[in-house]
Amino acid sequence: MAAEVSALSGWGAPEPDDGVRRRGRLKGYGERREGGFPDTVPVAECGLLQGSGSEDEARPSTAAAAAAAQKREERLRKFRELHLKRNEARKLNHQEVVEEDKRLKLPANWEAKKARLEWELKVEEKKKECAARGEDYERVKLLEISAEDAERWERRKKRKNPDLGFSDYAAAQLRKYQRLTRQIKPDLEQYEKLKEQYGEALYPTSDSLLHGTHVPSKEGVDRMVADLEKQIEKREKYSRRRPYNDDADIDYINERNAKFNKKAERFYGKYTAEIKQNLERGTAV
């Protein structure tokens, strides 16, 4: 009796699977459409048609899309920043190229001239300020100079014909000439005697022939000899520093022998090079 009741009521029958349930719902949905129901599908049935896990799957996909969009925006922002930096670097590089081209077209001593002109402008401004205040510019300038600088400048002014180093042979010759002319002490008595002796011929012209007519005095010759001896003595004290090569072969026993070997090498080195190489290799005959 219980089996019949359960069979009639369907309680004891096995439950259908998901596929059977979906087909049954679709069939009922079609019957409702034929019976005059609206075309809209209820939300509950849509959820049943899509499956129970659709909402959980949609949430991660939306979050991933948002993360991808954010990453894309971040990359675009960095790209725009790099683009702006590149444009700025290009402008700065162009400006530097233009400035360098201007500097190359300027004269070689332009920097020194510019500094000199700026210094002169500052001096003129200070002079105008001192004149407006009724002060002496030289006194104001001296107040700004330290005692050490003033002493150094005074010593430099007192120094006659300072040695500024070798520039060319013409400058060295002029320096030598000026030094010799300062050493000359004129003899006025001898000058008067020569003037009485030669008269107007003492002052030569283009037509004068004085070659071989002048006989120097004994004092003049002695003075010239003393000056030449002084030059020779000074030249002996001077010695040009020569570079010393640590890697060179030592083929001398003292400094005198080293100088002799250098002199012999300078004159006969090209003739004895092969013999020297054979002796070093031990293949000399």
C-alpha atoms as a PDB file:
ATOM      1  CA  MET A   1       0.000   0.000   0.000  1.00  0.00           C
ATOM      2  CA  ALA A   2       2.837   2.385   0.902  1.00  0.00           C
ATOM      3  CA  ALA A   3       4.605   1.562  -2.361  1.00  0.00           C
ATOM      4  CA  GLU A   4       1.517   2.388  -4.357  1.00  0.00           C
ATOM      5  CA  VAL A   5       1.069   5.705  -2.537  1.00  0.00           C
ATOM      6  CA  SER A   6       4.685   6.656  -3.132  1.00  0.00           C
ATOM      7  CA  ALA A   7       4.427   5.660  -6.785  1.00  0.00           C
ATOM      8  CA  LEU A   8       1.298   7.735  -7.240  1.00  0.00           C
ATOM      9  CA  SER A   9       2.689  10.759  -5.446  1.00  0.00           C
ATOM     10  CA  GLY A  10       6.153  10.509  -7.029  1.00  0.00           C
ATOM     11  CA  TRP A  11       7.996  10.901  -3.748  1.00  0.00           C
ATOM     12  CA  GLY A  12       9.949   7.742  -4.069  1.00  0.00           C
ATOM     13  CA  ALA A  13      10.956   8.276  -7.730  1.00  0.00           C
ATOM     14  CA  PRO A  14      14.581   9.182  -8.533  1.00  0.00           C
ATOM     15  CA  GLU A  15      15.259  12.863  -9.179  1.00  0.00           C
ATOM     16  CA  PRO A  16      16.095  13.841 -12.780  1.00  0.00           C
ATOM     17  CA  ASP A  17      19.505  15.234 -13.671  1.00  0.00           C
ATOM     18  CA  ASP A  18      20.270  18.879 -14.636  1.00  0.00           C
ATOM     19  CA  GLY A  19      19.811  18.266 -18.355  1.00  0.00           C
ATOM     20  CA  VAL A  20      16.334  16.888 -17.874  1.00  0.00           C
ATOM     21  CA  ARG A  21      15.443  19.821 -15.633  1.00  0.00           C
ATOM     22  CA  ARG A  22      16.607  22.388 -18.205  1.00  0.00           C
ATOM     23  CA  ARG A  23      14.682  20.688 -21.015  1.00  0.00           C
ATOM     24  CA  GLY A  24      11.573  20.598 -18.852  1.00  0.00           C
ATOM     25  CA  ARG A  25      11.835  24.273 -18.018  1.00  0.00           C
ATOM     26  CA  LEU A  26      12.384  25.208 -21.666  1.00  0.00           C
ATOM     27  CA  LYS A  27       9.349  23.119 -22.628  1.00  0.00           C
ATOM     28  CA  GLY A  28       7.218  24.833 -20.007  1.00  0.00           C
ATOM     29  CA  TYR A  29       8.511  28.205 -21.168  1.00  0.00           C
ATOM     30  CA  GLY A  30       7.462  27.402 -24.736  1.00  0.00           C
ATOM     31  CA  GLU A  31       4.033  26.299 -23.567  1.00  0.00           C
ATOM     32  CA  ARG A  32       3.562  29.538 -21.660  1.00  0.00           C
ATOM     33  CA  ARG A  33       4.494  31.523 -24.788  1.00  0.00           C
ATOM     34  CA  GLU A  34       1.900  29.609 -26.801  1.00  0.00           C
ATOM     35  CA  GLY A  35      -0.641  30.212 -24.061  1.00  0.00           C
ATOM     36  CA  GLY A  36      -0.263  33.977 -24.329  1.00  0.00           C
ATOM     37  CA  PHE A  37       2.437  34.775 -21.779  1.00  0.00           C
ATOM     38  CA  PRO A  38       4.733  37.779 -22.515  1.00  0.00           C
ATOM     39  CA  ASP A  39       8.043  37.289 -24.349  1.00  0.00           C
ATOM     40  CA  THR A  40      10.115  38.444 -21.366  1.00  0.00           C
ATOM     41  CA  VAL A  41      11.889  35.762 -19.439  1.00  0.00           C
ATOM     42  CA  PRO A  42      11.777  35.994 -15.637  1.00  0.00           C
ATOM     43  CA  VAL A  43      14.972  36.848 -13.864  1.00  0.00           C
ATOM     44  CA  ALA A  44      14.857  33.686 -11.818  1.00  0.00           C
ATOM     45  CA  GLU A  45      14.553  31.545 -14.931  1.00  0.00           C
ATOM     46  CA  CYS A  46      17.452  33.423 -16.585  1.00  0.00           C
ATOM     47  CA  GLY A  47      19.543  32.627 -13.584  1.00  0.00           C
ATOM     48  CA  LEU A  48      18.531  29.025 -13.786  1.00  0.00           C
ATOM     49  CA  LEU A  49      19.335  28.927 -17.498  1.00  0.00           C
ATOM     50  CA  GLN A  50      22.794  30.469 -17.032  1.00  0.00           C
ATOM     51  CA  GLY A  51      23.731  28.324 -14.134  1.00  0.00           C
ATOM     52  CA  SER A  52      24.321  28.951 -10.473  1.00  0.00           C
ATOM     53  CA  GLY A  53      28.050  29.942 -10.826  1.00  0.00           C
ATOM     54  CA  SER A  54      27.649  32.750 -13.437  1.00  0.00           C
ATOM     55  CA  GLU A  55      27.605  35.586 -10.887  1.00  0.00           C
ATOM     56  CA  ASP A  56      30.773  34.336  -9.209  1.00  0.00           C
ATOM     57  CA  GLU A  57      32.490  34.061 -12.596  1.00  0.00           C
ATOM     58  CA  ALA A  58      31.426  37.589 -13.671  1.00  0.00           C
ATOM     59  CA  ARG A  59      32.914  39.284 -10.619  1.00  0.00           C
ATOM     60  CA  PRO A  60      36.549  38.136 -11.203  1.00  0.00           C
ATOM     61  CA  SER A  61      36.319  39.012 -14.907  1.00  0.00           C
ATOM     62  CA  THR A  62      35.154  42.553 -14.054  1.00  0.00           C
ATOM     63  CA  ALA A  63      37.978  42.996 -11.519  1.00  0.00           C
ATOM     64  CA  ALA A  64      40.552  41.748 -14.050  1.00  0.00           C
ATOM     65  CA  ALA A  65      39.246  44.163 -16.684  1.00  0.00           C
ATOM     66  CA  ALA A  66      39.464  47.056 -14.203  1.00  0.00           C
ATOM     67  CA  ALA A  67      43.042  46.078 -13.256  1.00  0.00           C
ATOM     68  CA  ALA A  68      44.032  45.858 -16.927  1.00  0.00           C
ATOM     69  CA  ALA A  69      42.498  49.272 -17.626  1.00  0.00           C
ATOM     70  CA  GLN A  70      44.334  50.784 -14.655  1.00  0.00           C
ATOM     71  CA  LYS A  71      47.626  49.256 -15.791  1.00  0.00           C
ATOM     72  CA  ARG A  72      47.048  50.584 -19.305  1.00  0.00           C
ATOM     73  CA  GLU A  73      46.374  54.079 -17.950  1.00  0.00           C
ATOM     74  CA  GLU A  74      49.555  53.909 -15.865  1.00  0.00           C
ATOM     75  CA  ARG A  75      51.601  52.894 -18.890  1.00  0.00           C
ATOM     76  CA  LEU A  76      50.077  55.664 -21.003  1.00  0.00           C
ATOM     77  CA  ARG A  77      50.877  58.194 -18.281  1.00  0.00           C
ATOM     78  CA  LYS A  78      54.515  57.048 -18.145  1.00  0.00           C
ATOM     79  CA  PHE A  79      54.713  57.155 -21.924  1.00  0.00           C
ATOM     80  CA  ARG A  80      53.422  60.746 -21.952  1.00  0.00           C
ATOM     81  CA  GLU A  81      55.973  61.719 -19.295  1.00  0.00           C
ATOM     82  CA  LEU A  82      58.807  60.145 -21.306  1.00  0.00           C
ATOM     83  CA  HIS A  83      57.582  61.932 -24.421  1.00  0.00           C
ATOM     84  CA  LEU A  84      57.630  65.295 -22.618  1.00  0.00           C
ATOM     85  CA  LYS A  85      61.103  64.620 -21.222  1.00  0.00           C
ATOM     86  CA  ARG A  86      62.374  63.713 -24.686  1.00  0.00           C
ATOM     87  CA  ASN A  87      61.003  66.949 -26.143  1.00  0.00           C
ATOM     88  CA  GLU A  88      62.555  68.962 -23.324  1.00  0.00           C
ATOM     89  CA  ALA A  89      65.938  67.259 -23.807  1.00  0.00           C
ATOM     90  CA  ARG A  90      65.725  67.918 -27.544  1.00  0.00           C
ATOM     91  CA  LYS A  91      65.092  71.633 -26.944  1.00  0.00           C
ATOM     92  CA  LEU A  92      67.952  71.916 -24.445  1.00  0.00           C
ATOM     93  CA  ASN A  93      70.298  70.071 -26.791  1.00  0.00           C
ATOM     94  CA  HIS A  94      69.388  72.406 -29.641  1.00  0.00           C
ATOM     95  CA  GLN A  95      70.009  75.445 -27.436  1.00  0.00           C
ATOM     96  CA  GLU A  96      73.434  74.105 -26.416  1.00  0.00           C
ATOM     97  CA  VAL A  97      74.344  73.448 -30.057  1.00  0.00           C
ATOM     98  CA  VAL A  98      73.376  77.011 -30.994  1.00  0.00           C
ATOM     99  CA  GLU A  99      75.386  78.463 -28.092  1.00  0.00           C
ATOM    100  CA  GLU A 100      78.417  76.331 -28.963  1.00  0.00           C
ATOM    101  CA  ASP A 101      78.225  77.453 -32.589  1.00  0.00           C
ATOM    102  CA  LYS A 102      78.154  81.076 -31.431  1.00  0.00           C
ATOM    103  CA  ARG A 103      81.188  80.508 -29.195  1.00  0.00           C
ATOM    104  CA  LEU A 104      83.133  78.863 -32.017  1.00  0.00           C
ATOM    105  CA  LYS A 105      82.456  81.815 -34.314  1.00  0.00           C
ATOM    106  CA  LEU A 106      83.802  84.280 -31.730  1.00  0.00           C
ATOM    107  CA  PRO A 107      87.505  85.307 -31.681  1.00  0.00           C
ATOM    108  CA  ALA A 108      90.003  83.221 -29.744  1.00  0.00           C
ATOM    109  CA  ASN A 109      90.521  85.856 -27.025  1.00  0.00           C
ATOM    110  CA  TRP A 110      86.838  86.719 -26.686  1.00  0.00           C
ATOM    111  CA  GLU A 111      86.616  85.502 -23.083  1.00  0.00           C
ATOM    112  CA  ALA A 112      89.525  87.710 -22.013  1.00  0.00           C
ATOM    113  CA  LYS A 113      88.072  90.705 -23.858  1.00  0.00           C
ATOM    114  CA  LYS A 114      84.669  90.108 -22.298  1.00  0.00           C
ATOM    115  CA  ALA A 115      86.154  89.906 -18.800  1.00  0.00           C
ATOM    116  CA  ARG A 116      88.158  93.070 -19.468  1.00  0.00           C
ATOM    117  CA  LEU A 117      85.075  94.973 -20.687  1.00  0.00           C
ATOM    118  CA  GLU A 118      83.028  93.828 -17.692  1.00  0.00           C
ATOM    119  CA  TRP A 119      85.804  94.964 -15.355  1.00  0.00           C
ATOM    120  CA  GLU A 120      85.961  98.360 -17.079  1.00  0.00           C
ATOM    121  CA  LEU A 121      82.180  98.761 -16.760  1.00  0.00           C
ATOM    122  CA  LYS A 122      82.375  97.991 -13.040  1.00  0.00           C
ATOM    123  CA  VAL A 123      85.182 100.526 -12.621  1.00  0.00           C
ATOM    124  CA  GLU A 124      83.165 103.194 -14.438  1.00  0.00           C
ATOM    125  CA  GLU A 125      80.135 102.512 -12.240  1.00  0.00           C
ATOM    126  CA  LYS A 126      82.248 102.769  -9.087  1.00  0.00           C
ATOM    127  CA  LYS A 127      83.775 106.029 -10.301  1.00  0.00           C
ATOM    128  CA  LYS A 128      80.314 107.469 -10.911  1.00  0.00           C
ATOM    129  CA  GLU A 129      79.155 106.371  -7.454  1.00  0.00           C
ATOM    130  CA  CYS A 130      82.222 107.922  -5.814  1.00  0.00           C
ATOM    131  CA  ALA A 131      81.749 111.145  -7.784  1.00  0.00           C
ATOM    132  CA  ALA A 132      78.094 111.294  -6.703  1.00  0.00           C
ATOM    133  CA  ARG A 133      79.108 110.892  -3.046  1.00  0.00           C
ATOM    134  CA  GLY A 134      81.984 113.348  -3.412  1.00  0.00           C
ATOM    135  CA  GLU A 135      84.704 110.778  -2.630  1.00  0.00           C
ATOM    136  CA  ASP A 136      88.047 110.072  -4.257  1.00  0.00           C
ATOM    137  CA  TYR A 137      87.918 106.844  -6.261  1.00  0.00           C
ATOM    138  CA  GLU A 138      91.630 106.068  -5.782  1.00  0.00           C
ATOM    139  CA  ARG A 139      91.300 106.228  -1.999  1.00  0.00           C
ATOM    140  CA  VAL A 140      88.179 104.055  -2.062  1.00  0.00           C
ATOM    141  CA  LYS A 141      89.959 101.525  -4.280  1.00  0.00           C
ATOM    142  CA  LEU A 142      92.968 101.382  -1.963  1.00  0.00           C
ATOM    143  CA  LEU A 143      90.685 100.693   0.990  1.00  0.00           C
ATOM    144  CA  GLU A 144      89.508  97.506  -0.744  1.00  0.00           C
ATOM    145  CA  ILE A 145      93.073  96.214  -1.338  1.00  0.00           C
ATOM    146  CA  SER A 146      94.784  94.089   1.307  1.00  0.00           C
ATOM    147  CA  ALA A 147      98.283  94.862   2.581  1.00  0.00           C
ATOM    148  CA  GLU A 148      99.733  91.658   1.066  1.00  0.00           C
ATOM    149  CA  ASP A 149      98.428  92.509  -2.415  1.00  0.00           C
ATOM    150  CA  ALA A 150      99.703  96.080  -2.141  1.00  0.00           C
ATOM    151  CA  GLU A 151     103.202  94.897  -1.173  1.00  0.00           C
ATOM    152  CA  ARG A 152     103.274  92.377  -4.000  1.00  0.00           C
ATOM    153  CA  TRP A 153     102.269  95.012  -6.555  1.00  0.00           C
ATOM    154  CA  GLU A 154     104.890  97.431  -5.247  1.00  0.00           C
ATOM    155  CA  ARG A 155     107.606  94.803  -5.576  1.00  0.00           C
ATOM    156  CA  ARG A 156     106.448  94.091  -9.109  1.00  0.00           C
ATOM    157  CA  LYS A 157     106.623  97.789 -10.004  1.00  0.00           C
ATOM    158  CA  LYS A 158     110.140  98.115  -8.594  1.00  0.00           C
ATOM    159  CA  ARG A 159     111.342  95.137 -10.583  1.00  0.00           C
ATOM    160  CA  LYS A 160     113.054  96.344 -13.766  1.00  0.00           C
ATOM    161  CA  ASN A 161     112.782  94.271 -16.909  1.00  0.00           C
ATOM    162  CA  PRO A 162     111.173  91.224 -15.244  1.00  0.00           C
ATOM    163  CA  ASP A 163     111.777  87.872 -16.889  1.00  0.00           C
ATOM    164  CA  LEU A 164     108.409  86.764 -18.268  1.00  0.00           C
ATOM    165  CA  GLY A 165     109.779  83.589 -19.829  1.00  0.00           C
ATOM    166  CA  PHE A 166     110.753  82.723 -23.382  1.00  0.00           C
ATOM    167  CA  SER A 167     108.217  83.698 -26.033  1.00  0.00           C
ATOM    168  CA  ASP A 168     110.311  84.033 -29.212  1.00  0.00           C
ATOM    169  CA  TYR A 169     113.861  84.875 -30.280  1.00  0.00           C
ATOM    170  CA  ALA A 170     112.992  88.469 -31.201  1.00  0.00           C
ATOM    171  CA  ALA A 171     111.721  89.158 -27.665  1.00  0.00           C
ATOM    172  CA  ALA A 172     114.814  87.493 -26.167  1.00  0.00           C
ATOM    173  CA  GLN A 173     117.083  89.606 -28.377  1.00  0.00           C
ATOM    174  CA  LEU A 174     115.260  92.806 -27.396  1.00  0.00           C
ATOM    175  CA  ARG A 175     115.541  91.907 -23.716  1.00  0.00           C
ATOM    176  CA  LYS A 176     119.268  91.300 -24.119  1.00  0.00           C
ATOM    177  CA  TYR A 177     119.716  94.599 -25.970  1.00  0.00           C
ATOM    178  CA  GLN A 178     117.873  96.554 -23.281  1.00  0.00           C
ATOM    179  CA  ARG A 179     119.981  94.961 -20.561  1.00  0.00           C
ATOM    180  CA  LEU A 180     123.231  95.803 -22.348  1.00  0.00           C
ATOM    181  CA  THR A 181     122.203  99.387 -23.088  1.00  0.00           C
ATOM    182  CA  ARG A 182     121.367  99.963 -19.421  1.00  0.00           C
ATOM    183  CA  GLN A 183     124.900  98.915 -18.514  1.00  0.00           C
ATOM    184  CA  ILE A 184     126.438 101.556 -20.772  1.00  0.00           C
ATOM    185  CA  LYS A 185     127.765 104.540 -18.854  1.00  0.00           C
ATOM    186  CA  PRO A 186     128.407 107.459 -21.210  1.00  0.00           C
ATOM    187  CA  ASP A 187     131.806 109.184 -20.980  1.00  0.00           C
ATOM    188  CA  LEU A 188     131.071 112.861 -21.598  1.00  0.00           C
ATOM    189  CA  GLU A 189     134.751 113.891 -21.624  1.00  0.00           C
ATOM    190  CA  GLN A 190     135.593 111.402 -24.358  1.00  0.00           C
ATOM    191  CA  TYR A 191     132.518 112.554 -26.235  1.00  0.00           C
ATOM    192  CA  GLU A 192     133.685 116.161 -26.201  1.00  0.00           C
ATOM    193  CA  LYS A 193     137.145 115.133 -27.417  1.00  0.00           C
ATOM    194  CA  LEU A 194     135.698 113.156 -30.318  1.00  0.00           C
ATOM    195  CA  LYS A 195     133.405 116.026 -31.158  1.00  0.00           C
ATOM    196  CA  GLU A 196     136.364 118.420 -31.389  1.00  0.00           C
ATOM    197  CA  GLN A 197     138.350 115.891 -33.415  1.00  0.00           C
ATOM    198  CA  TYR A 198     135.746 114.908 -36.022  1.00  0.00           C
ATOM    199  CA  GLY A 199     133.436 117.899 -35.984  1.00  0.00           C
ATOM    200  CA  GLU A 200     130.323 117.350 -38.093  1.00  0.00           C
ATOM    201  CA  ALA A 201     131.660 113.979 -39.267  1.00  0.00           C
ATOM    202  CA  LEU A 202     130.931 112.637 -35.787  1.00  0.00           C
ATOM    203  CA  TYR A 203     127.256 112.527 -36.769  1.00  0.00           C
ATOM    204  CA  PRO A 204     127.169 110.212 -39.789  1.00  0.00           C
ATOM    205  CA  THR A 205     124.807 110.643 -42.701  1.00  0.00           C
ATOM    206  CA  SER A 206     123.995 108.530 -45.739  1.00  0.00           C
ATOM    207  CA  ASP A 207     127.169 109.796 -47.446  1.00  0.00           C
ATOM    208  CA  SER A 208     129.525 109.148 -44.506  1.00  0.00           C
ATOM    209  CA  LEU A 209     132.235 106.471 -44.741  1.00  0.00           C
ATOM    210  CA  LEU A 210     133.321 105.580 -41.208  1.00  0.00           C
ATOM    211  CA  HIS A 211     134.146 101.917 -41.738  1.00  0.00           C
ATOM    212  CA  GLY A 212     137.605 101.184 -40.363  1.00  0.00           C
ATOM    213  CA  THR A 213     138.201 104.719 -39.128  1.00  0.00           C
ATOM    214  CA  HIS A 214     137.131 104.152 -35.518  1.00  0.00           C
ATOM    215  CA  VAL A 215     139.728 102.724 -33.131  1.00  0.00           C
ATOM    216  CA  PRO A 216     138.275 101.649 -29.758  1.00  0.00           C
ATOM    217  CA  SER A 217     140.045 102.662 -26.592  1.00  0.00           C
ATOM    218  CA  LYS A 218     141.758 100.230 -24.249  1.00  0.00           C
ATOM    219  CA  GLU A 219     139.107 100.834 -21.579  1.00  0.00           C
ATOM    220  CA  GLY A 220     136.339  99.982 -24.042  1.00  0.00           C
ATOM    221  CA  VAL A 221     138.055  96.741 -25.060  1.00  0.00           C
ATOM    222  CA  ASP A 222     138.548  95.758 -21.417  1.00  0.00           C
ATOM    223  CA  ARG A 223     134.901  96.481 -20.700  1.00  0.00           C
ATOM    224  CA  MET A 224     133.815  94.281 -23.623  1.00  0.00           C
ATOM    225  CA  VAL A 225     136.107  91.431 -22.513  1.00  0.00           C
ATOM    226  CA  ALA A 226     134.751  91.605 -18.953  1.00  0.00           C
ATOM    227  CA  ASP A 227     131.193  91.448 -20.241  1.00  0.00           C
ATOM    228  CA  LEU A 228     131.965  88.428 -22.451  1.00  0.00           C
ATOM    229  CA  GLU A 229     133.625  86.593 -19.570  1.00  0.00           C
ATOM    230  CA  LYS A 230     130.595  87.280 -17.421  1.00  0.00           C
ATOM    231  CA  GLN A 231     128.318  85.827 -20.117  1.00  0.00           C
ATOM    232  CA  ILE A 232     130.493  82.709 -20.425  1.00  0.00           C
ATOM    233  CA  GLU A 233     130.465  82.193 -16.661  1.00  0.00           C
ATOM    234  CA  LYS A 234     126.699  82.551 -16.523  1.00  0.00           C
ATOM    235  CA  ARG A 235     126.248  80.146 -19.448  1.00  0.00           C
ATOM    236  CA  GLU A 236     128.371  77.489 -17.735  1.00  0.00           C
ATOM    237  CA  LYS A 237     126.120  77.551 -14.680  1.00  0.00           C
ATOM    238  CA  TYR A 238     123.051  76.953 -16.789  1.00  0.00           C
ATOM    239  CA  SER A 239     122.273  73.375 -17.774  1.00  0.00           C
ATOM    240  CA  ARG A 240     119.158  72.211 -19.518  1.00  0.00           C
ATOM    241  CA  ARG A 241     117.434  69.382 -17.706  1.00  0.00           C
ATOM    242  CA  ARG A 242     117.377  66.274 -19.857  1.00  0.00           C
ATOM    243  CA  PRO A 243     114.906  63.437 -19.308  1.00  0.00           C
ATOM    244  CA  TYR A 244     116.262  60.267 -17.750  1.00  0.00           C
ATOM    245  CA  ASN A 245     115.009  56.958 -19.119  1.00  0.00           C
ATOM    246  CA  ASP A 246     114.852  54.261 -16.439  1.00  0.00           C
ATOM    247  CA  ASP A 247     114.288  51.502 -19.011  1.00  0.00           C
ATOM    248  CA  ALA A 248     117.409  52.294 -21.039  1.00  0.00           C
ATOM    249  CA  ASP A 249     120.323  49.855 -21.026  1.00  0.00           C
ATOM    250  CA  ILE A 250     123.147  50.693 -18.613  1.00  0.00           C
ATOM    251  CA  ASP A 251     126.329  50.628 -20.692  1.00  0.00           C
ATOM    252  CA  TYR A 252     128.451  53.064 -18.686  1.00  0.00           C
ATOM    253  CA  ILE A 253     130.427  53.097 -15.456  1.00  0.00           C
ATOM    254  CA  ASN A 254     130.113  56.778 -14.533  1.00  0.00           C
ATOM    255  CA  GLU A 255     128.581  60.026 -15.778  1.00  0.00           C
ATOM    256  CA  ARG A 256     131.563  60.929 -17.912  1.00  0.00           C
ATOM    257  CA  ASN A 257     131.504  57.549 -19.613  1.00  0.00           C
ATOM    258  CA  ALA A 258     127.726  57.893 -20.157  1.00  0.00           C
ATOM    259  CA  LYS A 259     128.209  61.217 -21.963  1.00  0.00           C
ATOM    260  CA  PHE A 260     130.976  59.721 -24.116  1.00  0.00           C
ATOM    261  CA  ASN A 261     128.782  56.738 -25.034  1.00  0.00           C
ATOM    262  CA  LYS A 262     125.919  59.046 -26.011  1.00  0.00           C
ATOM    263  CA  LYS A 263     128.221  61.079 -28.209  1.00  0.00           C
ATOM    264  CA  ALA A 264     129.612  57.928 -29.859  1.00  0.00           C
ATOM    265  CA  GLU A 265     126.087  56.607 -30.391  1.00  0.00           C
ATOM    266  CA  ARG A 266     125.044  59.873 -31.975  1.00  0.00           C
ATOM    267  CA  PHE A 267     127.853  59.773 -34.560  1.00  0.00           C
ATOM    268  CA  TYR A 268     128.481  56.036 -35.115  1.00  0.00           C
ATOM    269  CA  GLY A 269     125.273  54.373 -33.910  1.00  0.00           C
ATOM    270  CA  LYS A 270     123.888  53.632 -37.369  1.00  0.00           C
ATOM    271  CA  TYR A 271     127.154  51.876 -38.362  1.00  0.00           C
ATOM    272  CA  THR A 272     127.537  49.766 -35.220  1.00  0.00           C
ATOM    273  CA  ALA A 273     123.875  48.833 -34.664  1.00  0.00           C
ATOM    274  CA  GLU A 274     124.211  45.377 -36.281  1.00  0.00           C
ATOM    275  CA  ILE A 275     127.449  44.586 -34.417  1.00  0.00           C
ATOM    276  CA  LYS A 276     125.850  45.577 -31.118  1.00  0.00           C
ATOM    277  CA  GLN A 277     122.826  43.359 -31.782  1.00  0.00           C
ATOM    278  CA  ASN A 278     125.069  40.387 -32.617  1.00  0.00           C
ATOM    279  CA  LEU A 279     127.007  40.881 -29.386  1.00  0.00           C
ATOM    280  CA  GLU A 280     123.795  41.007 -27.375  1.00  0.00           C
ATOM    281  CA  ARG A 281     122.453  37.827 -29.021  1.00  0.00           C
ATOM    282  CA  GLY A 282     125.808  36.077 -28.756  1.00  0.00           C
ATOM    283  CA  THR A 283     125.999  35.421 -32.494  1.00  0.00           C
ATOM    284  CA  ALA A 284     128.965  37.669 -33.251  1.00  0.00           C
ATOM    285  CA  VAL A 285     131.684  36.107 -35.421  1.00  0.00           C
END
